[in-house]
């Protein structure tokens, strides 16, 4: 099930991440075929999973490197090996912590990052539990392209 929300647009995602990273970011809608390399789980005040952000290897490495201006070569290395380097994991975790603001429900309920998983140990919610499921392809200045998926329950 793909549910697009008028609250989250490609322009919003690109602008948010551009402001965060200080780089030009082009964001476009794309299909929900995002191969999970990193998954952030957000919970509400009761500790129930309420949102997820999923990134592929390229997006994880790109956003992680861009946060602290790590040279783009490490992004290429991560994509080739299909492994997110440890320092990039720390950085993408920081991006995930701030990116809770991309989920529309953060405005009506308090969501916090519960954890970020890089080993494929997170099961995403069943389609009937999802109220928002929107994916974007990001093109980050100097770093390249990757996909990000926003899921809200």
C-alpha atoms as a PDB file:
ATOM      1  CA  UNK A   1       0.000   0.000   0.000  1.00  0.00           C
ATOM      2  CA  UNK A   2       1.362   3.383  -0.963  1.00  0.00           C
ATOM      3  CA  UNK A   3      -0.168   6.317   0.788  1.00  0.00           C
ATOM      4  CA  UNK A   4       1.186   9.718  -0.052  1.00  0.00           C
ATOM      5  CA  UNK A   5       0.595  12.544   2.354  1.00  0.00           C
ATOM      6  CA  UNK A   6       0.377  16.162   1.330  1.00  0.00           C
ATOM      7  CA  UNK A   7       2.412  16.814   4.481  1.00  0.00           C
ATOM      8  CA  UNK A   8       5.558  15.221   3.026  1.00  0.00           C
ATOM      9  CA  UNK A   9       6.718  16.252  -0.424  1.00  0.00           C
ATOM     10  CA  UNK A  10       9.940  15.679  -2.301  1.00  0.00           C
ATOM     11  CA  UNK A  11      10.620  19.392  -1.970  1.00  0.00           C
ATOM     12  CA  UNK A  12      10.136  19.227   1.822  1.00  0.00           C
ATOM     13  CA  UNK A  13      12.525  16.292   2.166  1.00  0.00           C
ATOM     14  CA  UNK A  14      15.159  17.902  -0.055  1.00  0.00           C
ATOM     15  CA  UNK A  15      14.900  21.246   1.727  1.00  0.00           C
ATOM     16  CA  UNK A  16      15.034  19.684   5.206  1.00  0.00           C
ATOM     17  CA  UNK A  17      18.126  17.613   4.429  1.00  0.00           C
ATOM     18  CA  UNK A  18      19.764  20.463   2.525  1.00  0.00           C
ATOM     19  CA  UNK A  19      19.375  22.731   5.552  1.00  0.00           C
ATOM     20  CA  UNK A  20      20.698  20.002   7.837  1.00  0.00           C
ATOM     21  CA  UNK A  21      23.738  19.150   5.724  1.00  0.00           C
ATOM     22  CA  UNK A  22      24.498  22.509   4.139  1.00  0.00           C
ATOM     23  CA  UNK A  23      24.559  20.989   0.654  1.00  0.00           C
ATOM     24  CA  UNK A  24      22.315  21.186  -2.377  1.00  0.00           C
ATOM     25  CA  UNK A  25      19.984  18.178  -2.417  1.00  0.00           C
ATOM     26  CA  UNK A  26      17.596  17.286  -5.197  1.00  0.00           C
ATOM     27  CA  UNK A  27      14.731  15.072  -4.053  1.00  0.00           C
ATOM     28  CA  UNK A  28      12.261  13.270  -6.297  1.00  0.00           C
ATOM     29  CA  UNK A  29       9.431  10.848  -5.658  1.00  0.00           C
ATOM     30  CA  UNK A  30      10.293   7.241  -6.469  1.00  0.00           C
ATOM     31  CA  UNK A  31       8.848   3.768  -6.029  1.00  0.00           C
ATOM     32  CA  UNK A  32       8.964   2.101  -2.610  1.00  0.00           C
ATOM     33  CA  UNK A  33      11.592  -0.378  -3.748  1.00  0.00           C
ATOM     34  CA  UNK A  34      14.212   0.718  -1.213  1.00  0.00           C
ATOM     35  CA  UNK A  35      16.619  -2.064  -0.267  1.00  0.00           C
ATOM     36  CA  UNK A  36      17.040  -1.563   3.502  1.00  0.00           C
ATOM     37  CA  UNK A  37      20.607  -1.001   4.642  1.00  0.00           C
ATOM     38  CA  UNK A  38      19.654   1.139   7.616  1.00  0.00           C
ATOM     39  CA  UNK A  39      16.305   1.324   9.380  1.00  0.00           C
ATOM     40  CA  UNK A  40      15.390   3.882  12.021  1.00  0.00           C
ATOM     41  CA  UNK A  41      12.542   3.001  14.380  1.00  0.00           C
ATOM     42  CA  UNK A  42      10.612   5.816  16.062  1.00  0.00           C
ATOM     43  CA  UNK A  43       8.306   5.251  18.999  1.00  0.00           C
ATOM     44  CA  UNK A  44       5.522   7.272  20.586  1.00  0.00           C
ATOM     45  CA  UNK A  45       5.206   8.177  24.279  1.00  0.00           C
ATOM     46  CA  UNK A  46       3.880   4.688  25.079  1.00  0.00           C
ATOM     47  CA  UNK A  47       6.865   3.017  23.399  1.00  0.00           C
ATOM     48  CA  UNK A  48       4.861   1.773  20.401  1.00  0.00           C
ATOM     49  CA  UNK A  49       6.522   1.839  16.981  1.00  0.00           C
ATOM     50  CA  UNK A  50       4.988   4.797  15.158  1.00  0.00           C
ATOM     51  CA  UNK A  51       7.358   5.487  12.291  1.00  0.00           C
ATOM     52  CA  UNK A  52      10.308   4.216  10.310  1.00  0.00           C
ATOM     53  CA  UNK A  53      12.886   5.698   8.001  1.00  0.00           C
ATOM     54  CA  UNK A  54      14.553   3.243   5.668  1.00  0.00           C
ATOM     55  CA  UNK A  55      17.632   4.029   3.588  1.00  0.00           C
ATOM     56  CA  UNK A  56      19.529   1.996   1.029  1.00  0.00           C
ATOM     57  CA  UNK A  57      23.326   1.643   1.223  1.00  0.00           C
ATOM     58  CA  UNK A  58      23.922   4.584  -1.099  1.00  0.00           C
ATOM     59  CA  UNK A  59      21.631   6.925   0.831  1.00  0.00           C
ATOM     60  CA  UNK A  60      22.968   5.794   4.211  1.00  0.00           C
ATOM     61  CA  UNK A  61      26.565   6.344   3.146  1.00  0.00           C
ATOM     62  CA  UNK A  62      25.780   9.605   1.351  1.00  0.00           C
ATOM     63  CA  UNK A  63      23.891  11.226   4.233  1.00  0.00           C
ATOM     64  CA  UNK A  64      26.361   9.870   6.786  1.00  0.00           C
ATOM     65  CA  UNK A  65      29.347  11.230   4.890  1.00  0.00           C
ATOM     66  CA  UNK A  66      27.713  14.550   4.076  1.00  0.00           C
ATOM     67  CA  UNK A  67      26.887  15.251   7.734  1.00  0.00           C
ATOM     68  CA  UNK A  68      30.550  15.730   8.646  1.00  0.00           C
ATOM     69  CA  UNK A  69      31.953  16.284   5.141  1.00  0.00           C
ATOM     70  CA  UNK A  70      33.752  12.940   4.961  1.00  0.00           C
ATOM     71  CA  UNK A  71      35.381  12.550   1.512  1.00  0.00           C
ATOM     72  CA  UNK A  72      33.042  11.082  -1.138  1.00  0.00           C
ATOM     73  CA  UNK A  73      35.417   8.165  -1.768  1.00  0.00           C
ATOM     74  CA  UNK A  74      34.175   6.387   1.343  1.00  0.00           C
ATOM     75  CA  UNK A  75      30.633   6.554  -0.067  1.00  0.00           C
ATOM     76  CA  UNK A  76      31.776   4.768  -3.235  1.00  0.00           C
ATOM     77  CA  UNK A  77      33.567   2.194  -1.100  1.00  0.00           C
ATOM     78  CA  UNK A  78      30.414   1.543   0.954  1.00  0.00           C
ATOM     79  CA  UNK A  79      28.320   1.148  -2.188  1.00  0.00           C
ATOM     80  CA  UNK A  80      30.827  -1.278  -3.721  1.00  0.00           C
ATOM     81  CA  UNK A  81      31.082  -3.420  -0.587  1.00  0.00           C
ATOM     82  CA  UNK A  82      27.382  -2.987   0.320  1.00  0.00           C
ATOM     83  CA  UNK A  83      28.517  -2.228   3.875  1.00  0.00           C
ATOM     84  CA  UNK A  84      28.101   1.029   5.765  1.00  0.00           C
ATOM     85  CA  UNK A  85      31.389   2.012   7.405  1.00  0.00           C
ATOM     86  CA  UNK A  86      31.223   2.389  11.207  1.00  0.00           C
ATOM     87  CA  UNK A  87      31.827   6.157  11.203  1.00  0.00           C
ATOM     88  CA  UNK A  88      29.082   6.554   8.601  1.00  0.00           C
ATOM     89  CA  UNK A  89      26.741   4.488  10.806  1.00  0.00           C
ATOM     90  CA  UNK A  90      27.301   6.906  13.674  1.00  0.00           C
ATOM     91  CA  UNK A  91      26.587   9.836  11.391  1.00  0.00           C
ATOM     92  CA  UNK A  92      23.467   8.376   9.773  1.00  0.00           C
ATOM     93  CA  UNK A  93      22.241   7.649  13.296  1.00  0.00           C
ATOM     94  CA  UNK A  94      22.541  11.371  14.036  1.00  0.00           C
ATOM     95  CA  UNK A  95      20.704  12.189  10.812  1.00  0.00           C
ATOM     96  CA  UNK A  96      17.956   9.723  11.799  1.00  0.00           C
ATOM     97  CA  UNK A  97      17.655  11.380  15.215  1.00  0.00           C
ATOM     98  CA  UNK A  98      16.943  14.758  13.602  1.00  0.00           C
ATOM     99  CA  UNK A  99      14.941  13.333  10.680  1.00  0.00           C
ATOM    100  CA  UNK A 100      12.032  12.443  12.980  1.00  0.00           C
ATOM    101  CA  UNK A 101      10.810  15.866  11.851  1.00  0.00           C
ATOM    102  CA  UNK A 102      10.139  14.413   8.388  1.00  0.00           C
ATOM    103  CA  UNK A 103       7.373  12.214   9.794  1.00  0.00           C
ATOM    104  CA  UNK A 104       4.078  14.131   9.850  1.00  0.00           C
ATOM    105  CA  UNK A 105       2.944  12.648  13.180  1.00  0.00           C
ATOM    106  CA  UNK A 106       5.826  14.298  15.030  1.00  0.00           C
ATOM    107  CA  UNK A 107       3.633  17.414  15.033  1.00  0.00           C
ATOM    108  CA  UNK A 108       0.706  15.774  16.849  1.00  0.00           C
ATOM    109  CA  UNK A 109       2.516  13.262  19.046  1.00  0.00           C
ATOM    110  CA  UNK A 110       5.969  13.052  20.527  1.00  0.00           C
ATOM    111  CA  UNK A 111       8.120  10.604  18.562  1.00  0.00           C
ATOM    112  CA  UNK A 112      11.668   9.653  19.459  1.00  0.00           C
ATOM    113  CA  UNK A 113      14.275   7.524  17.783  1.00  0.00           C
ATOM    114  CA  UNK A 114      14.281   4.179  19.567  1.00  0.00           C
ATOM    115  CA  UNK A 115      17.052   2.557  17.539  1.00  0.00           C
ATOM    116  CA  UNK A 116      18.781   2.343  14.206  1.00  0.00           C
ATOM    117  CA  UNK A 117      19.492  -1.079  12.735  1.00  0.00           C
ATOM    118  CA  UNK A 118      22.148  -1.884  10.129  1.00  0.00           C
ATOM    119  CA  UNK A 119      21.906  -5.670  10.186  1.00  0.00           C
ATOM    120  CA  UNK A 120      18.448  -6.337   8.750  1.00  0.00           C
ATOM    121  CA  UNK A 121      16.898  -7.108  12.110  1.00  0.00           C
ATOM    122  CA  UNK A 122      13.877  -4.818  11.815  1.00  0.00           C
ATOM    123  CA  UNK A 123      10.598  -6.110  10.471  1.00  0.00           C
ATOM    124  CA  UNK A 124       8.624  -3.333   8.821  1.00  0.00           C
ATOM    125  CA  UNK A 125       4.916  -3.027   9.642  1.00  0.00           C
ATOM    126  CA  UNK A 126       2.237  -4.858   7.676  1.00  0.00           C
ATOM    127  CA  UNK A 127       0.658  -2.795   4.888  1.00  0.00           C
ATOM    128  CA  UNK A 128      -2.656  -2.508   6.757  1.00  0.00           C
ATOM    129  CA  UNK A 129      -0.864  -0.785   9.665  1.00  0.00           C
ATOM    130  CA  UNK A 130       0.761   1.880   7.478  1.00  0.00           C
ATOM    131  CA  UNK A 131      -0.792   5.340   7.136  1.00  0.00           C
ATOM    132  CA  UNK A 132       2.076   6.895   5.145  1.00  0.00           C
ATOM    133  CA  UNK A 133       4.533   5.136   2.861  1.00  0.00           C
ATOM    134  CA  UNK A 134       6.496   7.465   0.623  1.00  0.00           C
ATOM    135  CA  UNK A 135       9.908   7.072  -0.973  1.00  0.00           C
ATOM    136  CA  UNK A 136      12.285   9.590  -2.457  1.00  0.00           C
ATOM    137  CA  UNK A 137      15.457   9.475  -4.484  1.00  0.00           C
ATOM    138  CA  UNK A 138      17.989  11.966  -3.187  1.00  0.00           C
ATOM    139  CA  UNK A 139      20.862  13.437  -5.165  1.00  0.00           C
ATOM    140  CA  UNK A 140      23.271  15.002  -2.688  1.00  0.00           C
ATOM    141  CA  UNK A 141      25.786  17.522  -4.014  1.00  0.00           C
ATOM    142  CA  UNK A 142      29.264  15.955  -4.374  1.00  0.00           C
ATOM    143  CA  UNK A 143      28.094  12.633  -2.869  1.00  0.00           C
ATOM    144  CA  UNK A 144      25.583  11.079  -5.256  1.00  0.00           C
ATOM    145  CA  UNK A 145      22.203   9.408  -5.220  1.00  0.00           C
ATOM    146  CA  UNK A 146      20.363   7.118  -2.851  1.00  0.00           C
ATOM    147  CA  UNK A 147      16.843   6.234  -1.766  1.00  0.00           C
ATOM    148  CA  UNK A 148      15.004   7.012   1.454  1.00  0.00           C
ATOM    149  CA  UNK A 149      11.586   5.714   2.516  1.00  0.00           C
ATOM    150  CA  UNK A 150       9.331   7.277   5.160  1.00  0.00           C
ATOM    151  CA  UNK A 151       6.808   5.016   6.859  1.00  0.00           C
ATOM    152  CA  UNK A 152       4.273   6.070   9.446  1.00  0.00           C
ATOM    153  CA  UNK A 153       1.921   3.805  11.358  1.00  0.00           C
END
